[in-house]
């Protein structure tokens, strides 16, 4: 099953075209990575998929449904940027353990659970993690 997809997505910021006809699919129960130079659109893709921004055109689906204002979708989505500040001594397992305190269905040992990060320097947003969710995709 496809966990998230974009079809022909464009995103403009004023006169700047950040995404140009992007189509992609993330398969459920798999780890995925977005690679590219700074400014390539990695964070913009993640912000659109997690409903922190709207696409200018194209179609976006998460778990087979449009994600915007859709509690059934958003309850399963979490986007944690690498700029989210954890104590210096924290390792990945600390962040996963902490997530278990916030998400009732969080299971760090589950293959369906993974951490979601952006690799855009200076990205300082708050993330999008509803307190009753069970994050499932990367």
N, C-alpha and C. Protein backbone atom coordinates (compact mmCIF):
# COMPACT_ATOMS: atom_id res chain seq x y z
N UNK A 1 0.84 -1.19 0.00
CA UNK A 1 0.00 0.00 0.00
C UNK A 1 0.88 1.25 0.00
N UNK A 2 0.43 2.25 -0.67
CA UNK A 2 1.13 3.53 -0.70
C UNK A 2 0.74 4.34 0.53
N UNK A 3 1.74 4.76 1.29
CA UNK A 3 1.48 5.56 2.49
C UNK A 3 1.26 7.03 2.13
N UNK A 4 2.03 7.54 1.19
CA UNK A 4 1.90 8.94 0.80
C UNK A 4 2.30 9.08 -0.66
N UNK A 5 1.62 9.98 -1.36
CA UNK A 5 1.96 10.20 -2.77
C UNK A 5 1.70 11.64 -3.17
N UNK A 6 2.44 12.06 -4.17
CA UNK A 6 2.26 13.37 -4.80
C UNK A 6 2.21 13.11 -6.30
N UNK A 7 1.31 13.78 -6.98
CA UNK A 7 1.18 13.61 -8.42
C UNK A 7 1.13 14.99 -9.08
N UNK A 8 2.16 15.31 -9.86
CA UNK A 8 2.20 16.57 -10.58
C UNK A 8 2.16 17.79 -9.68
N UNK A 9 2.81 17.71 -8.52
CA UNK A 9 2.74 18.80 -7.54
C UNK A 9 3.71 19.92 -7.88
N UNK A 10 3.19 21.13 -7.82
CA UNK A 10 3.97 22.35 -7.97
C UNK A 10 3.79 23.17 -6.70
N UNK A 11 4.83 23.89 -6.32
CA UNK A 11 4.74 24.81 -5.19
C UNK A 11 5.51 26.07 -5.54
N UNK A 12 4.81 27.20 -5.47
CA UNK A 12 5.43 28.50 -5.74
C UNK A 12 5.42 29.33 -4.47
N UNK A 13 6.52 30.04 -4.27
CA UNK A 13 6.62 31.07 -3.25
C UNK A 13 6.82 32.37 -4.00
N UNK A 14 5.75 33.12 -4.21
CA UNK A 14 5.84 34.31 -5.04
C UNK A 14 6.19 33.90 -6.47
N UNK A 15 7.31 34.42 -6.99
CA UNK A 15 7.75 34.07 -8.34
C UNK A 15 8.71 32.88 -8.37
N UNK A 16 9.02 32.31 -7.20
CA UNK A 16 9.98 31.21 -7.12
C UNK A 16 9.24 29.88 -7.16
N UNK A 17 9.61 29.03 -8.10
CA UNK A 17 9.03 27.70 -8.23
C UNK A 17 9.88 26.73 -7.42
N UNK A 18 9.39 26.32 -6.24
CA UNK A 18 10.15 25.44 -5.35
C UNK A 18 10.01 23.98 -5.75
N UNK A 19 8.82 23.58 -6.18
CA UNK A 19 8.58 22.22 -6.69
C UNK A 19 7.98 22.34 -8.07
N UNK A 20 8.48 21.57 -9.00
CA UNK A 20 8.04 21.64 -10.39
C UNK A 20 7.62 20.25 -10.86
N UNK A 21 6.31 19.99 -10.89
CA UNK A 21 5.75 18.75 -11.40
C UNK A 21 6.32 17.52 -10.70
N UNK A 22 6.31 17.54 -9.37
CA UNK A 22 6.86 16.43 -8.57
C UNK A 22 5.82 15.33 -8.43
N UNK A 23 6.23 14.12 -8.75
CA UNK A 23 5.41 12.93 -8.54
C UNK A 23 6.27 11.91 -7.81
N UNK A 24 5.74 11.37 -6.72
CA UNK A 24 6.48 10.36 -5.96
C UNK A 24 5.50 9.56 -5.12
N UNK A 25 5.97 8.40 -4.67
CA UNK A 25 5.18 7.56 -3.77
C UNK A 25 6.09 7.01 -2.69
N UNK A 26 5.57 6.98 -1.47
CA UNK A 26 6.24 6.35 -0.35
C UNK A 26 5.43 5.11 0.01
N UNK A 27 6.05 3.95 -0.08
CA UNK A 27 5.38 2.70 0.25
C UNK A 27 5.29 2.55 1.76
N UNK A 28 4.17 2.02 2.24
CA UNK A 28 3.97 1.81 3.67
C UNK A 28 4.94 0.74 4.18
N UNK A 29 5.32 0.88 5.45
CA UNK A 29 6.20 -0.07 6.15
C UNK A 29 7.61 -0.12 5.57
N UNK A 30 8.05 0.95 4.98
CA UNK A 30 9.40 1.06 4.44
C UNK A 30 10.01 2.36 4.93
N UNK A 31 11.33 2.41 4.99
CA UNK A 31 12.03 3.66 5.29
C UNK A 31 12.40 4.31 3.97
N UNK A 32 12.23 5.60 3.91
CA UNK A 32 12.52 6.36 2.70
C UNK A 32 13.39 7.55 3.05
N UNK A 33 14.18 8.01 2.12
CA UNK A 33 14.99 9.20 2.33
C UNK A 33 14.83 10.14 1.16
N UNK A 34 14.90 11.41 1.44
CA UNK A 34 14.91 12.43 0.39
C UNK A 34 16.32 13.02 0.36
N UNK A 35 16.98 12.87 -0.75
CA UNK A 35 18.34 13.37 -0.89
C UNK A 35 18.36 14.50 -1.90
N UNK A 36 19.18 15.49 -1.62
CA UNK A 36 19.32 16.60 -2.55
C UNK A 36 20.05 17.75 -1.88
N UNK A 37 20.52 18.64 -2.71
CA UNK A 37 21.24 19.80 -2.20
C UNK A 37 20.28 20.73 -1.47
N UNK A 38 20.82 21.69 -0.75
CA UNK A 38 19.99 22.70 -0.11
C UNK A 38 19.16 23.41 -1.16
N UNK A 39 17.90 23.61 -0.85
CA UNK A 39 17.01 24.29 -1.78
C UNK A 39 16.39 23.40 -2.84
N UNK A 40 16.63 22.08 -2.76
CA UNK A 40 16.10 21.16 -3.77
C UNK A 40 14.60 20.88 -3.59
N UNK A 41 14.05 21.16 -2.41
CA UNK A 41 12.62 20.96 -2.19
C UNK A 41 12.27 19.86 -1.21
N UNK A 42 13.25 19.28 -0.53
CA UNK A 42 13.00 18.18 0.40
C UNK A 42 12.05 18.60 1.52
N UNK A 43 12.34 19.69 2.17
CA UNK A 43 11.50 20.16 3.28
C UNK A 43 10.13 20.58 2.77
N UNK A 44 10.07 21.19 1.62
CA UNK A 44 8.78 21.59 1.05
C UNK A 44 7.91 20.37 0.81
N UNK A 45 8.49 19.30 0.29
CA UNK A 45 7.73 18.06 0.08
C UNK A 45 7.18 17.56 1.41
N UNK A 46 8.02 17.50 2.44
CA UNK A 46 7.57 17.00 3.74
C UNK A 46 6.52 17.92 4.37
N UNK A 47 6.68 19.22 4.20
CA UNK A 47 5.71 20.16 4.76
C UNK A 47 4.36 20.01 4.08
N UNK A 48 4.35 19.73 2.79
CA UNK A 48 3.09 19.52 2.07
C UNK A 48 2.46 18.20 2.50
N UNK A 49 3.26 17.13 2.57
CA UNK A 49 2.71 15.83 2.96
C UNK A 49 2.17 15.82 4.39
N UNK A 50 2.70 16.68 5.26
CA UNK A 50 2.24 16.74 6.65
C UNK A 50 1.31 17.93 6.91
N UNK A 51 0.79 18.51 5.86
CA UNK A 51 -0.22 19.57 5.93
C UNK A 51 0.24 20.83 6.62
N UNK A 52 1.51 21.13 6.54
CA UNK A 52 2.02 22.38 7.08
C UNK A 52 2.06 23.45 5.99
N UNK A 53 1.89 23.03 4.76
CA UNK A 53 1.79 23.94 3.61
C UNK A 53 0.87 23.31 2.59
N UNK A 54 0.33 24.14 1.70
CA UNK A 54 -0.49 23.66 0.61
C UNK A 54 0.32 23.67 -0.67
N UNK A 55 0.07 22.70 -1.53
CA UNK A 55 0.67 22.72 -2.85
C UNK A 55 -0.02 23.80 -3.69
N UNK A 56 0.70 24.35 -4.66
CA UNK A 56 0.09 25.35 -5.55
C UNK A 56 -0.80 24.66 -6.58
N UNK A 57 -0.41 23.46 -6.99
CA UNK A 57 -1.23 22.65 -7.90
C UNK A 57 -0.77 21.20 -7.78
N UNK A 58 -1.57 20.30 -8.31
CA UNK A 58 -1.27 18.89 -8.25
C UNK A 58 -2.13 18.20 -7.20
N UNK A 59 -1.85 16.91 -6.96
CA UNK A 59 -2.64 16.10 -6.04
C UNK A 59 -1.75 15.46 -4.98
N UNK A 60 -2.20 15.49 -3.73
CA UNK A 60 -1.47 14.90 -2.61
C UNK A 60 -2.42 13.95 -1.88
N UNK A 61 -1.91 12.74 -1.57
CA UNK A 61 -2.68 11.79 -0.78
C UNK A 61 -1.78 11.17 0.28
N UNK A 62 -2.35 10.96 1.45
CA UNK A 62 -1.67 10.27 2.53
C UNK A 62 -2.63 9.18 3.00
N UNK A 63 -2.17 7.94 2.98
CA UNK A 63 -3.01 6.78 3.28
C UNK A 63 -4.24 6.77 2.38
N UNK A 64 -4.06 7.16 1.12
CA UNK A 64 -5.12 7.10 0.12
C UNK A 64 -6.15 8.20 0.18
N UNK A 65 -5.92 9.22 1.01
CA UNK A 65 -6.89 10.29 1.17
C UNK A 65 -6.21 11.64 1.12
N UNK A 66 -6.94 12.68 0.73
CA UNK A 66 -6.37 14.03 0.86
C UNK A 66 -6.12 14.31 2.34
N UNK A 67 -4.95 14.81 2.70
CA UNK A 67 -4.62 14.96 4.12
C UNK A 67 -5.17 16.21 4.80
N UNK A 68 -5.54 17.23 4.06
CA UNK A 68 -5.89 18.51 4.66
C UNK A 68 -7.18 18.44 5.46
N UNK A 69 -7.10 18.88 6.71
CA UNK A 69 -8.24 18.90 7.62
C UNK A 69 -8.91 17.53 7.68
N UNK A 70 -8.09 16.47 7.71
CA UNK A 70 -8.58 15.11 7.72
C UNK A 70 -7.98 14.40 8.95
N UNK A 71 -8.75 14.34 10.03
CA UNK A 71 -8.25 13.78 11.28
C UNK A 71 -7.81 12.33 11.13
N UNK A 72 -8.49 11.55 10.29
CA UNK A 72 -8.10 10.14 10.10
C UNK A 72 -6.70 10.02 9.51
N UNK A 73 -6.28 10.99 8.75
CA UNK A 73 -4.93 11.00 8.19
C UNK A 73 -3.96 11.64 9.17
N UNK A 74 -4.28 12.81 9.66
CA UNK A 74 -3.34 13.56 10.50
C UNK A 74 -3.02 12.87 11.81
N UNK A 75 -3.92 12.04 12.31
CA UNK A 75 -3.65 11.30 13.54
C UNK A 75 -2.55 10.27 13.35
N UNK A 76 -2.17 9.99 12.11
CA UNK A 76 -1.15 8.97 11.82
C UNK A 76 0.13 9.58 11.27
N UNK A 77 0.24 10.90 11.27
CA UNK A 77 1.37 11.57 10.64
C UNK A 77 2.17 12.35 11.67
N UNK A 78 3.49 12.26 11.57
CA UNK A 78 4.37 13.03 12.43
C UNK A 78 5.61 13.40 11.63
N UNK A 79 5.98 14.65 11.65
CA UNK A 79 7.16 15.14 10.94
C UNK A 79 8.03 15.85 11.96
N UNK A 80 9.17 15.27 12.28
CA UNK A 80 10.09 15.85 13.25
C UNK A 80 11.34 16.27 12.50
N UNK A 81 11.62 17.54 12.49
CA UNK A 81 12.79 18.05 11.79
C UNK A 81 14.04 17.88 12.63
N UNK A 82 15.15 17.77 11.96
CA UNK A 82 16.39 17.59 12.72
C UNK A 82 16.74 18.83 13.54
N UNK A 83 16.16 19.96 13.21
CA UNK A 83 16.43 21.17 13.98
C UNK A 83 15.68 21.18 15.31
N UNK A 84 14.74 20.25 15.48
CA UNK A 84 14.05 20.12 16.76
C UNK A 84 15.11 19.85 17.81
N UNK A 85 15.24 20.67 18.80
CA UNK A 85 16.34 20.60 19.76
C UNK A 85 16.07 19.59 20.86
N UNK A 86 16.92 18.62 20.95
CA UNK A 86 16.94 17.66 22.04
C UNK A 86 18.19 17.95 22.86
N UNK A 87 18.23 17.50 24.10
CA UNK A 87 19.47 17.67 24.88
C UNK A 87 20.66 17.05 24.14
N UNK A 88 21.83 17.64 24.30
CA UNK A 88 23.02 17.18 23.59
C UNK A 88 23.34 15.70 23.83
N UNK A 89 22.97 15.17 24.98
CA UNK A 89 23.30 13.78 25.28
C UNK A 89 22.31 12.80 24.67
N UNK A 90 21.21 13.29 24.08
CA UNK A 90 20.20 12.41 23.50
C UNK A 90 20.74 11.66 22.29
N UNK A 91 20.37 10.41 22.19
CA UNK A 91 20.62 9.58 21.01
C UNK A 91 19.25 9.28 20.40
N UNK A 92 19.21 8.65 19.24
CA UNK A 92 17.95 8.34 18.57
C UNK A 92 17.02 7.56 19.50
N UNK A 93 17.56 6.59 20.22
CA UNK A 93 16.68 5.78 21.08
C UNK A 93 16.02 6.63 22.16
N UNK A 94 16.65 7.70 22.60
CA UNK A 94 16.03 8.59 23.58
C UNK A 94 14.80 9.29 22.96
N UNK A 95 14.94 9.76 21.75
CA UNK A 95 13.82 10.43 21.07
C UNK A 95 12.67 9.45 20.85
N UNK A 96 12.98 8.21 20.46
CA UNK A 96 11.94 7.22 20.24
C UNK A 96 11.24 6.86 21.55
N UNK A 97 11.99 6.76 22.63
CA UNK A 97 11.40 6.48 23.93
C UNK A 97 10.51 7.65 24.37
N UNK A 98 10.97 8.87 24.18
CA UNK A 98 10.17 10.04 24.53
C UNK A 98 8.87 10.08 23.74
N UNK A 99 8.92 9.67 22.48
CA UNK A 99 7.70 9.66 21.65
C UNK A 99 6.66 8.73 22.25
N UNK A 100 7.11 7.63 22.87
CA UNK A 100 6.18 6.71 23.50
C UNK A 100 5.39 7.34 24.63
N UNK A 101 5.92 8.38 25.23
CA UNK A 101 5.20 9.08 26.29
C UNK A 101 4.08 9.96 25.74
N UNK A 102 4.20 10.34 24.46
CA UNK A 102 3.24 11.25 23.84
C UNK A 102 2.20 10.55 22.98
N UNK A 103 2.55 9.41 22.41
CA UNK A 103 1.68 8.74 21.45
C UNK A 103 1.24 7.39 21.99
N UNK A 104 -0.06 7.23 22.20
CA UNK A 104 -0.59 6.03 22.83
C UNK A 104 -0.23 4.76 22.08
N UNK A 105 -0.16 4.79 20.77
CA UNK A 105 0.10 3.59 19.97
C UNK A 105 1.54 3.47 19.50
N UNK A 106 2.42 4.27 20.04
CA UNK A 106 3.83 4.27 19.61
C UNK A 106 4.50 2.99 20.05
N UNK A 107 5.17 2.31 19.13
CA UNK A 107 5.90 1.08 19.45
C UNK A 107 7.27 1.14 18.78
N UNK A 108 8.30 1.59 19.48
CA UNK A 108 9.62 1.75 18.87
C UNK A 108 10.17 0.48 18.24
N UNK A 109 9.79 -0.70 18.71
CA UNK A 109 10.32 -1.93 18.14
C UNK A 109 9.58 -2.34 16.88
N UNK A 110 8.47 -1.68 16.58
CA UNK A 110 7.67 -2.04 15.42
C UNK A 110 8.36 -1.61 14.14
N UNK A 111 8.32 -2.47 13.09
CA UNK A 111 8.90 -2.05 11.81
C UNK A 111 8.11 -0.92 11.17
N UNK A 112 6.92 -0.62 11.69
CA UNK A 112 6.12 0.45 11.12
C UNK A 112 6.50 1.80 11.70
N UNK A 113 7.33 1.82 12.70
CA UNK A 113 7.71 3.06 13.37
C UNK A 113 9.08 3.50 12.90
N UNK A 114 9.22 4.76 12.58
CA UNK A 114 10.52 5.29 12.20
C UNK A 114 10.55 6.76 12.52
N UNK A 115 11.75 7.32 12.58
CA UNK A 115 11.84 8.74 12.85
C UNK A 115 11.79 9.47 11.52
N UNK A 116 11.17 10.63 11.52
CA UNK A 116 11.05 11.42 10.32
C UNK A 116 11.81 12.70 10.48
N UNK A 117 12.79 12.93 9.62
CA UNK A 117 13.56 14.15 9.76
C UNK A 117 13.79 14.80 8.41
N UNK A 118 13.97 16.07 8.45
CA UNK A 118 14.40 16.82 7.28
C UNK A 118 15.87 17.11 7.47
N UNK A 119 16.60 17.26 6.39
CA UNK A 119 18.01 17.60 6.55
C UNK A 119 18.30 19.00 6.06
N UNK A 120 17.32 19.88 6.18
CA UNK A 120 17.51 21.26 5.76
C UNK A 120 18.04 22.10 6.90
N UNK A 121 19.26 22.63 6.78
CA UNK A 121 19.80 23.47 7.84
C UNK A 121 18.93 24.69 8.08
N UNK A 122 18.80 25.07 9.33
CA UNK A 122 18.05 26.28 9.65
C UNK A 122 16.56 26.08 9.70
N UNK A 123 16.08 24.87 9.43
CA UNK A 123 14.66 24.59 9.46
C UNK A 123 14.22 24.59 10.91
N UNK A 124 13.38 25.53 11.32
CA UNK A 124 13.10 25.67 12.74
C UNK A 124 11.62 25.59 13.08
N UNK A 125 10.84 24.92 12.26
CA UNK A 125 9.42 24.81 12.54
C UNK A 125 9.14 23.91 13.72
N UNK A 126 7.88 23.84 14.10
CA UNK A 126 7.51 23.12 15.31
C UNK A 126 7.17 21.67 15.07
N UNK A 127 7.08 21.24 13.84
CA UNK A 127 6.67 19.86 13.58
C UNK A 127 5.17 19.75 13.60
N UNK A 128 4.67 18.55 13.34
CA UNK A 128 3.24 18.34 13.26
C UNK A 128 2.95 16.96 13.82
N UNK A 129 2.74 16.85 15.13
CA UNK A 129 2.56 15.55 15.76
C UNK A 129 1.38 15.59 16.71
N UNK A 130 0.18 15.22 16.24
CA UNK A 130 -0.96 15.21 17.13
C UNK A 130 -0.72 14.25 18.29
N UNK A 131 -1.19 14.60 19.48
CA UNK A 131 -0.88 13.84 20.68
C UNK A 131 -1.48 12.43 20.70
N UNK A 132 -2.51 12.16 19.91
CA UNK A 132 -3.09 10.82 19.94
C UNK A 132 -2.74 10.02 18.70
N UNK A 133 -1.67 10.35 18.01
CA UNK A 133 -1.35 9.68 16.75
C UNK A 133 -0.49 8.45 16.96
N UNK A 134 -0.38 7.70 15.90
CA UNK A 134 0.49 6.55 15.85
C UNK A 134 1.29 6.67 14.57
N UNK A 135 2.39 7.44 14.55
CA UNK A 135 3.15 7.69 13.34
C UNK A 135 3.59 6.38 12.69
N UNK A 136 3.50 6.30 11.34
CA UNK A 136 3.77 5.05 10.69
C UNK A 136 4.65 5.14 9.46
N UNK A 137 5.04 6.29 9.01
CA UNK A 137 5.81 6.32 7.77
C UNK A 137 6.93 7.32 7.82
N UNK A 138 7.86 7.12 6.92
CA UNK A 138 9.00 8.01 6.85
C UNK A 138 9.03 8.73 5.54
